[in-house]
Amino acid sequence: MKVAVVTGAARGVGRGIALVLGETGATVYVTDRESREHRHSDLPGTVEDTAEQVDGRGGHGVPVRVDHTDDRAVEALFQRVRDAHGGLDLLVANAFDGNALPFEGGPFWTLPLDHWHNMIDAGLRGHLVSAWYAAPLLIERRGLAVLTGYTDPGAEVIAGHAFYDLAMIGVSRLARTLAHDLRPYGATALALSPGFTRTEAIMAALGADVPGGDSVEFPGRAVRALLADPHVTRHAGRTLPVADLAKEYGFSDIPPS
């Protein structure tokens, strides 16, 4: 049975990845700061909700409330995984502060400085800290680290937002660095780039009637394919768009509801 940690999985892409992993029978540690006892947003979704949905898909969901800006809490999470399983097959570092996504850009001096915390501290640094604690466990099982982040090679500044652009470019570069360091030890790291995804936050901001977009489970199908690939090391250090992986591995999105 595979053991996975998916950060930022109370809702959005993290939740979708956790659900698809549940279909493989995996044990999925679902982390987020959103729990039934501690709410930070009016959007639906908690770690308990996602863990129960993982169970319903045939896996074993383990809800863990973690603020990924709290290094000690992250350390305790991975110590718990070590104590229970001795190693880790998959880390999906996905947590960002979803309460302050940059749906509107603008000149950098007009952007709230709080967005630095949302994008860099809670996001990019959170990815690094999770990987830092997960690395010895991934090495034990020659596991896979997937860092999520949006890329747009044609954009001068991604989303027209300086802090978001820096965070997303940083995720891609971090994946390269982690892959370089993990390669001699048999573990793999890469970055995954979803397209426009119909997350709860995006639907709340833009309206449920916005046409197009992917389900939150489409990136999950990409992660499932990567985890099952015995030659996944060929992707080490790369930033992989979900749509490209769908063509390579032959999966599709779930039908629209």
C-alpha atoms as a PDB file:
ATOM      1  CA  MET A   1       0.000   0.000   0.000  1.00  0.00           C
ATOM      2  CA  LYS A   2       1.374   3.400  -1.016  1.00  0.00           C
ATOM      3  CA  VAL A   3       1.715   6.122   1.602  1.00  0.00           C
ATOM      4  CA  ALA A   4       1.243   9.734   0.524  1.00  0.00           C
ATOM      5  CA  VAL A   5       1.179  13.172   2.099  1.00  0.00           C
ATOM      6  CA  VAL A   6      -0.838  15.825   0.247  1.00  0.00           C
ATOM      7  CA  THR A   7      -0.531  19.315   1.684  1.00  0.00           C
ATOM      8  CA  GLY A   8      -3.215  21.942   1.250  1.00  0.00           C
ATOM      9  CA  ALA A   9      -5.813  19.252   0.606  1.00  0.00           C
ATOM     10  CA  ALA A  10      -8.937  20.565   2.328  1.00  0.00           C
ATOM     11  CA  ARG A  11     -10.121  21.820  -1.041  1.00  0.00           C
ATOM     12  CA  GLY A  12      -8.983  22.622  -4.565  1.00  0.00           C
ATOM     13  CA  VAL A  13      -6.242  20.799  -6.429  1.00  0.00           C
ATOM     14  CA  GLY A  14      -4.965  19.162  -3.240  1.00  0.00           C
ATOM     15  CA  ARG A  15      -8.347  17.649  -2.525  1.00  0.00           C
ATOM     16  CA  GLY A  16      -8.637  16.386  -6.098  1.00  0.00           C
ATOM     17  CA  ILE A  17      -5.207  14.739  -5.898  1.00  0.00           C
ATOM     18  CA  ALA A  18      -6.051  13.111  -2.568  1.00  0.00           C
ATOM     19  CA  LEU A  19      -9.311  11.685  -3.943  1.00  0.00           C
ATOM     20  CA  VAL A  20      -7.663  10.113  -6.973  1.00  0.00           C
ATOM     21  CA  LEU A  21      -4.948   8.622  -4.768  1.00  0.00           C
ATOM     22  CA  GLY A  22      -7.733   7.138  -2.654  1.00  0.00           C
ATOM     23  CA  GLU A  23      -8.877   5.200  -5.723  1.00  0.00           C
ATOM     24  CA  THR A  24      -5.499   3.424  -5.726  1.00  0.00           C
ATOM     25  CA  GLY A  25      -6.030   2.236  -2.154  1.00  0.00           C
ATOM     26  CA  ALA A  26      -3.319   4.536  -0.808  1.00  0.00           C
ATOM     27  CA  THR A  27      -3.009   5.828   2.718  1.00  0.00           C
ATOM     28  CA  VAL A  28      -3.250   9.582   2.253  1.00  0.00           C
ATOM     29  CA  TYR A  29      -2.280  12.061   4.943  1.00  0.00           C
ATOM     30  CA  VAL A  30      -4.516  15.042   4.199  1.00  0.00           C
ATOM     31  CA  THR A  31      -3.049  18.249   5.600  1.00  0.00           C
ATOM     32  CA  ASP A  32      -4.358  21.797   5.735  1.00  0.00           C
ATOM     33  CA  ARG A  33      -5.013  24.448   8.355  1.00  0.00           C
ATOM     34  CA  GLU A  34      -8.752  24.134   7.609  1.00  0.00           C
ATOM     35  CA  SER A  35     -10.417  21.704   9.986  1.00  0.00           C
ATOM     36  CA  ARG A  36     -13.900  21.406  11.370  1.00  0.00           C
ATOM     37  CA  GLU A  37     -12.729  22.926  14.643  1.00  0.00           C
ATOM     38  CA  HIS A  38     -10.554  25.653  13.102  1.00  0.00           C
ATOM     39  CA  ARG A  39     -12.003  27.487  10.099  1.00  0.00           C
ATOM     40  CA  HIS A  40     -10.162  30.238   8.234  1.00  0.00           C
ATOM     41  CA  SER A  41     -12.437  30.579   5.217  1.00  0.00           C
ATOM     42  CA  ASP A  42     -16.091  30.492   4.312  1.00  0.00           C
ATOM     43  CA  LEU A  43     -15.286  28.179   1.397  1.00  0.00           C
ATOM     44  CA  PRO A  44     -16.310  24.533   1.832  1.00  0.00           C
ATOM     45  CA  GLY A  45     -13.739  21.925   2.746  1.00  0.00           C
ATOM     46  CA  THR A  46     -11.782  20.653   5.737  1.00  0.00           C
ATOM     47  CA  VAL A  47      -9.133  17.992   6.269  1.00  0.00           C
ATOM     48  CA  GLU A  48     -11.790  15.757   7.806  1.00  0.00           C
ATOM     49  CA  ASP A  49     -14.076  16.162   4.786  1.00  0.00           C
ATOM     50  CA  THR A  50     -11.346  15.213   2.335  1.00  0.00           C
ATOM     51  CA  ALA A  51     -10.142  12.281   4.443  1.00  0.00           C
ATOM     52  CA  GLU A  52     -13.676  10.879   4.537  1.00  0.00           C
ATOM     53  CA  GLN A  53     -13.926  11.273   0.770  1.00  0.00           C
ATOM     54  CA  VAL A  54     -10.614   9.420   0.371  1.00  0.00           C
ATOM     55  CA  ASP A  55     -12.092   6.592   2.445  1.00  0.00           C
ATOM     56  CA  GLY A  56     -15.123   6.584   0.162  1.00  0.00           C
ATOM     57  CA  ARG A  57     -12.866   6.093  -2.854  1.00  0.00           C
ATOM     58  CA  GLY A  58     -11.277   2.990  -1.333  1.00  0.00           C
ATOM     59  CA  GLY A  59      -8.217   4.491   0.328  1.00  0.00           C
ATOM     60  CA  HIS A  60      -7.412   5.431   3.889  1.00  0.00           C
ATOM     61  CA  GLY A  61      -7.591   9.145   4.603  1.00  0.00           C
ATOM     62  CA  VAL A  62      -5.754  10.535   7.615  1.00  0.00           C
ATOM     63  CA  PRO A  63      -6.760  14.132   8.435  1.00  0.00           C
ATOM     64  CA  VAL A  64      -4.013  16.251  10.003  1.00  0.00           C
ATOM     65  CA  ARG A  65      -4.489  19.933  10.746  1.00  0.00           C
ATOM     66  CA  VAL A  66      -1.204  21.640   9.872  1.00  0.00           C
ATOM     67  CA  ASP A  67      -0.320  25.271   9.351  1.00  0.00           C
ATOM     68  CA  HIS A  68       2.518  24.942   6.845  1.00  0.00           C
ATOM     69  CA  THR A  69       4.123  28.166   8.028  1.00  0.00           C
ATOM     70  CA  ASP A  70       4.751  26.412  11.377  1.00  0.00           C
ATOM     71  CA  ASP A  71       7.941  24.367  10.977  1.00  0.00           C
ATOM     72  CA  ARG A  72       7.405  22.424  14.198  1.00  0.00           C
ATOM     73  CA  ALA A  73       3.954  21.339  13.071  1.00  0.00           C
ATOM     74  CA  VAL A  74       5.413  20.157   9.753  1.00  0.00           C
ATOM     75  CA  GLU A  75       8.160  18.292  11.584  1.00  0.00           C
ATOM     76  CA  ALA A  76       5.556  16.572  13.777  1.00  0.00           C
ATOM     77  CA  LEU A  77       3.577  15.536  10.697  1.00  0.00           C
ATOM     78  CA  PHE A  78       6.494  13.740   9.092  1.00  0.00           C
ATOM     79  CA  GLN A  79       7.604  12.207  12.385  1.00  0.00           C
ATOM     80  CA  ARG A  80       4.098  10.743  12.630  1.00  0.00           C
ATOM     81  CA  VAL A  81       4.468   9.287   9.140  1.00  0.00           C
ATOM     82  CA  ARG A  82       7.871   7.850  10.034  1.00  0.00           C
ATOM     83  CA  ASP A  83       6.550   6.262  13.231  1.00  0.00           C
ATOM     84  CA  ALA A  84       3.591   4.681  11.437  1.00  0.00           C
ATOM     85  CA  HIS A  85       5.164   3.635   8.141  1.00  0.00           C
ATOM     86  CA  GLY A  86       8.941   4.025   8.204  1.00  0.00           C
ATOM     87  CA  GLY A  87       8.945   5.743   4.814  1.00  0.00           C
ATOM     88  CA  LEU A  88       6.954   7.717   2.281  1.00  0.00           C
ATOM     89  CA  ASP A  89       6.089   6.950  -1.338  1.00  0.00           C
ATOM     90  CA  LEU A  90       4.736  10.337  -2.350  1.00  0.00           C
ATOM     91  CA  LEU A  91       4.809  13.940  -1.201  1.00  0.00           C
ATOM     92  CA  VAL A  92       2.515  16.395  -2.961  1.00  0.00           C
ATOM     93  CA  ALA A  93       3.517  19.875  -1.778  1.00  0.00           C
ATOM     94  CA  ASN A  94       0.492  21.949  -2.703  1.00  0.00           C
ATOM     95  CA  ALA A  95      -0.301  24.271   0.215  1.00  0.00           C
ATOM     96  CA  PHE A  96      -0.661  27.982  -0.464  1.00  0.00           C
ATOM     97  CA  ASP A  97      -2.741  30.542   1.390  1.00  0.00           C
ATOM     98  CA  GLY A  98      -5.866  30.116  -0.689  1.00  0.00           C
ATOM     99  CA  ASN A  99      -7.695  32.891   1.120  1.00  0.00           C
ATOM    100  CA  ALA A 100      -5.661  35.481  -0.736  1.00  0.00           C
ATOM    101  CA  LEU A 101      -5.072  34.178  -4.246  1.00  0.00           C
ATOM    102  CA  PRO A 102      -4.041  36.975  -6.618  1.00  0.00           C
ATOM    103  CA  PHE A 103      -7.069  37.100  -8.898  1.00  0.00           C
ATOM    104  CA  GLU A 104      -6.146  40.692  -9.702  1.00  0.00           C
ATOM    105  CA  GLY A 105      -2.644  41.817 -10.528  1.00  0.00           C
ATOM    106  CA  GLY A 106      -1.219  45.274 -11.025  1.00  0.00           C
ATOM    107  CA  PRO A 107       2.034  47.197 -10.593  1.00  0.00           C
ATOM    108  CA  PHE A 108       4.069  45.634  -7.808  1.00  0.00           C
ATOM    109  CA  TRP A 109       3.874  48.740  -5.578  1.00  0.00           C
ATOM    110  CA  THR A 110       0.077  48.552  -5.570  1.00  0.00           C
ATOM    111  CA  LEU A 111      -0.053  44.946  -4.387  1.00  0.00           C
ATOM    112  CA  PRO A 112      -0.612  44.204  -0.694  1.00  0.00           C
ATOM    113  CA  LEU A 113       2.621  43.137   0.980  1.00  0.00           C
ATOM    114  CA  ASP A 114       0.580  40.421   2.700  1.00  0.00           C
ATOM    115  CA  HIS A 115       0.695  38.621  -0.639  1.00  0.00           C
ATOM    116  CA  TRP A 116       4.397  37.971  -0.025  1.00  0.00           C
ATOM    117  CA  HIS A 117       3.407  35.889   2.999  1.00  0.00           C
ATOM    118  CA  ASN A 118       0.595  34.179   1.113  1.00  0.00           C
ATOM    119  CA  MET A 119       2.670  33.252  -1.918  1.00  0.00           C
ATOM    120  CA  ILE A 120       6.226  32.904  -0.604  1.00  0.00           C
ATOM    121  CA  ASP A 121       6.026  31.973   3.078  1.00  0.00           C
ATOM    122  CA  ALA A 122       2.905  29.808   3.005  1.00  0.00           C
ATOM    123  CA  GLY A 123       3.545  28.608  -0.544  1.00  0.00           C
ATOM    124  CA  LEU A 124       7.105  28.398  -1.851  1.00  0.00           C
ATOM    125  CA  ARG A 125       8.811  28.153   1.541  1.00  0.00           C
ATOM    126  CA  GLY A 126       6.112  25.730   2.674  1.00  0.00           C
ATOM    127  CA  HIS A 127       6.937  23.471  -0.279  1.00  0.00           C
ATOM    128  CA  LEU A 128      10.612  23.540   0.686  1.00  0.00           C
ATOM    129  CA  VAL A 129      10.012  22.815   4.373  1.00  0.00           C
ATOM    130  CA  SER A 130       7.704  19.897   3.576  1.00  0.00           C
ATOM    131  CA  ALA A 131      10.298  18.472   1.195  1.00  0.00           C
ATOM    132  CA  TRP A 132      13.067  19.045   3.769  1.00  0.00           C
ATOM    133  CA  TYR A 133      11.311  16.882   6.350  1.00  0.00           C
ATOM    134  CA  ALA A 134       9.998  14.382   3.795  1.00  0.00           C
ATOM    135  CA  ALA A 135      13.313  13.732   2.033  1.00  0.00           C
ATOM    136  CA  PRO A 136      14.686  11.021   4.355  1.00  0.00           C
ATOM    137  CA  LEU A 137      11.335   9.220   4.204  1.00  0.00           C
ATOM    138  CA  LEU A 138      11.175   9.451   0.419  1.00  0.00           C
ATOM    139  CA  ILE A 139      14.703   8.093   0.148  1.00  0.00           C
ATOM    140  CA  GLU A 140      13.676   5.056   2.218  1.00  0.00           C
ATOM    141  CA  ARG A 141      11.154   4.084  -0.510  1.00  0.00           C
ATOM    142  CA  ARG A 142      12.767   5.712  -3.569  1.00  0.00           C
ATOM    143  CA  GLY A 143       9.715   7.930  -3.564  1.00  0.00           C
ATOM    144  CA  LEU A 144       8.405  10.888  -5.525  1.00  0.00           C
ATOM    145  CA  ALA A 145       8.012  14.556  -4.555  1.00  0.00           C
ATOM    146  CA  VAL A 146       5.546  16.578  -6.631  1.00  0.00           C
ATOM    147  CA  LEU A 147       5.484  20.360  -6.184  1.00  0.00           C
ATOM    148  CA  THR A 148       2.427  22.110  -7.595  1.00  0.00           C
ATOM    149  CA  GLY A 149       2.625  25.510  -9.218  1.00  0.00           C
ATOM    150  CA  TYR A 150       1.177  27.259 -12.242  1.00  0.00           C
ATOM    151  CA  THR A 151       3.434  28.169 -15.159  1.00  0.00           C
ATOM    152  CA  ASP A 152       2.759  30.154 -18.297  1.00  0.00           C
ATOM    153  CA  PRO A 153       5.831  30.254 -20.556  1.00  0.00           C
ATOM    154  CA  GLY A 154       4.231  32.930 -22.725  1.00  0.00           C
ATOM    155  CA  ALA A 155       3.530  35.354 -19.879  1.00  0.00           C
ATOM    156  CA  GLU A 156       5.838  38.277 -19.223  1.00  0.00           C
ATOM    157  CA  VAL A 157       4.654  38.208 -15.610  1.00  0.00           C
ATOM    158  CA  ILE A 158       2.429  35.312 -14.538  1.00  0.00           C
ATOM    159  CA  ALA A 159      -1.067  36.629 -13.735  1.00  0.00           C
ATOM    160  CA  GLY A 160       0.375  40.150 -13.898  1.00  0.00           C
ATOM    161  CA  HIS A 161       1.270  39.741 -10.230  1.00  0.00           C
ATOM    162  CA  ALA A 162       4.877  40.134  -9.052  1.00  0.00           C
ATOM    163  CA  PHE A 163       4.630  37.961  -5.922  1.00  0.00           C
ATOM    164  CA  TYR A 164       2.650  35.213  -7.655  1.00  0.00           C
ATOM    165  CA  ASP A 165       5.077  35.218 -10.581  1.00  0.00           C
ATOM    166  CA  LEU A 166       8.031  34.903  -8.209  1.00  0.00           C
ATOM    167  CA  ALA A 167       6.410  32.063  -6.286  1.00  0.00           C
ATOM    168  CA  MET A 168       5.488  30.069  -9.394  1.00  0.00           C
ATOM    169  CA  ILE A 169       8.894  30.477 -11.029  1.00  0.00           C
ATOM    170  CA  GLY A 170      10.406  29.560  -7.662  1.00  0.00           C
ATOM    171  CA  VAL A 171       8.423  26.308  -7.526  1.00  0.00           C
ATOM    172  CA  SER A 172       9.824  25.261 -10.899  1.00  0.00           C
ATOM    173  CA  ARG A 173      13.368  26.119  -9.884  1.00  0.00           C
ATOM    174  CA  LEU A 174      12.967  24.428  -6.501  1.00  0.00           C
ATOM    175  CA  ALA A 175      11.860  21.222  -8.212  1.00  0.00           C
ATOM    176  CA  ARG A 176      15.042  21.269 -10.291  1.00  0.00           C
ATOM    177  CA  THR A 177      17.202  21.739  -7.227  1.00  0.00           C
ATOM    178  CA  LEU A 178      15.441  19.047  -5.203  1.00  0.00           C
ATOM    179  CA  ALA A 179      15.717  16.619  -8.107  1.00  0.00           C
ATOM    180  CA  HIS A 180      19.440  17.299  -8.369  1.00  0.00           C
ATOM    181  CA  ASP A 181      19.974  16.572  -4.678  1.00  0.00           C
ATOM    182  CA  LEU A 182      17.660  13.546  -4.466  1.00  0.00           C
ATOM    183  CA  ARG A 183      18.817  11.809  -7.649  1.00  0.00           C
ATOM    184  CA  PRO A 184      21.897  10.086  -6.123  1.00  0.00           C
ATOM    185  CA  TYR A 185      19.639   8.629  -3.410  1.00  0.00           C
ATOM    186  CA  GLY A 186      17.036   7.138  -5.730  1.00  0.00           C
ATOM    187  CA  ALA A 187      14.193   9.597  -5.059  1.00  0.00           C
ATOM    188  CA  THR A 188      12.626  11.912  -7.625  1.00  0.00           C
ATOM    189  CA  ALA A 189      11.289  15.457  -7.556  1.00  0.00           C
ATOM    190  CA  LEU A 190       9.364  17.384 -10.192  1.00  0.00           C
ATOM    191  CA  ALA A 191       6.872  20.221 -10.540  1.00  0.00           C
ATOM    192  CA  LEU A 192       3.290  19.818 -11.753  1.00  0.00           C
ATOM    193  CA  SER A 193       1.505  22.687 -13.478  1.00  0.00           C
ATOM    194  CA  PRO A 194      -2.299  22.492 -13.625  1.00  0.00           C
ATOM    195  CA  GLY A 195      -4.181  24.544 -16.161  1.00  0.00           C
ATOM    196  CA  PHE A 196      -7.222  26.656 -15.367  1.00  0.00           C
ATOM    197  CA  THR A 197      -8.891  24.559 -12.672  1.00  0.00           C
ATOM    198  CA  ARG A 198     -12.381  24.972 -11.306  1.00  0.00           C
ATOM    199  CA  THR A 199     -11.434  25.138  -7.648  1.00  0.00           C
ATOM    200  CA  GLU A 200     -13.793  26.347  -4.966  1.00  0.00           C
ATOM    201  CA  ALA A 201     -11.831  29.589  -4.642  1.00  0.00           C
ATOM    202  CA  ILE A 202     -11.852  30.303  -8.365  1.00  0.00           C
ATOM    203  CA  MET A 203     -15.553  29.562  -8.672  1.00  0.00           C
ATOM    204  CA  ALA A 204     -16.307  31.818  -5.713  1.00  0.00           C
ATOM    205  CA  ALA A 205     -14.259  34.643  -7.213  1.00  0.00           C
ATOM    206  CA  LEU A 206     -15.261  34.332 -10.862  1.00  0.00           C
ATOM    207  CA  GLY A 207     -18.667  32.704 -10.687  1.00  0.00           C
ATOM    208  CA  ALA A 208     -19.809  29.136 -11.173  1.00  0.00           C
ATOM    209  CA  ASP A 209     -20.946  29.853 -14.722  1.00  0.00           C
ATOM    210  CA  VAL A 210     -17.404  30.524 -16.014  1.00  0.00           C
ATOM    211  CA  PRO A 211     -17.018  28.271 -19.074  1.00  0.00           C
ATOM    212  CA  GLY A 212     -14.242  25.717 -19.491  1.00  0.00           C
ATOM    213  CA  GLY A 213     -11.593  24.696 -17.049  1.00  0.00           C
ATOM    214  CA  ASP A 214     -10.471  21.416 -15.552  1.00  0.00           C
ATOM    215  CA  SER A 215     -11.848  19.573 -12.572  1.00  0.00           C
ATOM    216  CA  VAL A 216      -9.716  19.366  -9.436  1.00  0.00           C
ATOM    217  CA  GLU A 217      -9.312  15.649 -10.130  1.00  0.00           C
ATOM    218  CA  PHE A 218      -7.528  16.169 -13.462  1.00  0.00           C
ATOM    219  CA  PRO A 219      -4.200  17.005 -11.721  1.00  0.00           C
ATOM    220  CA  GLY A 220      -4.875  14.017  -9.455  1.00  0.00           C
ATOM    221  CA  ARG A 221      -4.943  11.725 -12.469  1.00  0.00           C
ATOM    222  CA  ALA A 222      -1.595  13.158 -13.517  1.00  0.00           C
ATOM    223  CA  VAL A 223      -0.114  12.407 -10.093  1.00  0.00           C
ATOM    224  CA  ARG A 224      -1.535   8.879 -10.183  1.00  0.00           C
ATOM    225  CA  ALA A 225       0.075   8.269 -13.567  1.00  0.00           C
ATOM    226  CA  LEU A 226       3.428   9.616 -12.415  1.00  0.00           C
ATOM    227  CA  LEU A 227       3.375   7.510  -9.249  1.00  0.00           C
ATOM    228  CA  ALA A 228       2.661   4.355 -11.255  1.00  0.00           C
ATOM    229  CA  ASP A 229       5.380   5.042 -13.837  1.00  0.00           C
ATOM    230  CA  PRO A 230       8.449   2.853 -13.150  1.00  0.00           C
ATOM    231  CA  HIS A 231      10.533   5.265 -15.235  1.00  0.00           C
ATOM    232  CA  VAL A 232       9.329   8.481 -13.614  1.00  0.00           C
ATOM    233  CA  THR A 233      12.938   9.511 -12.984  1.00  0.00           C
ATOM    234  CA  ARG A 234      13.093  10.685 -16.614  1.00  0.00           C
ATOM    235  CA  HIS A 235      10.887  13.582 -15.517  1.00  0.00           C
ATOM    236  CA  ALA A 236      13.106  14.582 -12.593  1.00  0.00           C
ATOM    237  CA  GLY A 237      13.514  18.324 -12.238  1.00  0.00           C
ATOM    238  CA  ARG A 238      11.024  19.193 -14.950  1.00  0.00           C
ATOM    239  CA  THR A 239       7.869  21.299 -14.740  1.00  0.00           C
ATOM    240  CA  LEU A 240       5.116  19.222 -16.324  1.00  0.00           C
ATOM    241  CA  PRO A 241       1.793  20.671 -17.509  1.00  0.00           C
ATOM    242  CA  VAL A 242      -1.120  18.392 -16.624  1.00  0.00           C
ATOM    243  CA  ALA A 243      -2.448  18.593 -20.184  1.00  0.00           C
ATOM    244  CA  ASP A 244       0.861  17.298 -21.573  1.00  0.00           C
ATOM    245  CA  LEU A 245       0.854  14.400 -19.131  1.00  0.00           C
ATOM    246  CA  ALA A 246      -2.713  13.530 -20.161  1.00  0.00           C
ATOM    247  CA  LYS A 247      -1.478  13.050 -23.728  1.00  0.00           C
ATOM    248  CA  GLU A 248       1.599  11.103 -22.654  1.00  0.00           C
ATOM    249  CA  TYR A 249      -0.164   8.734 -20.257  1.00  0.00           C
ATOM    250  CA  GLY A 250      -3.538   8.579 -21.987  1.00  0.00           C
ATOM    251  CA  PHE A 251      -5.841   9.806 -19.223  1.00  0.00           C
ATOM    252  CA  SER A 252      -8.663  12.317 -19.433  1.00  0.00           C
ATOM    253  CA  ASP A 253     -10.538  14.559 -17.049  1.00  0.00           C
ATOM    254  CA  ILE A 254     -13.654  13.367 -15.261  1.00  0.00           C
ATOM    255  CA  PRO A 255     -16.887  14.106 -17.127  1.00  0.00           C
ATOM    256  CA  PRO A 256     -18.410  17.498 -16.229  1.00  0.00           C
ATOM    257  CA  SER A 257     -21.143  17.239 -13.637  1.00  0.00           C
END
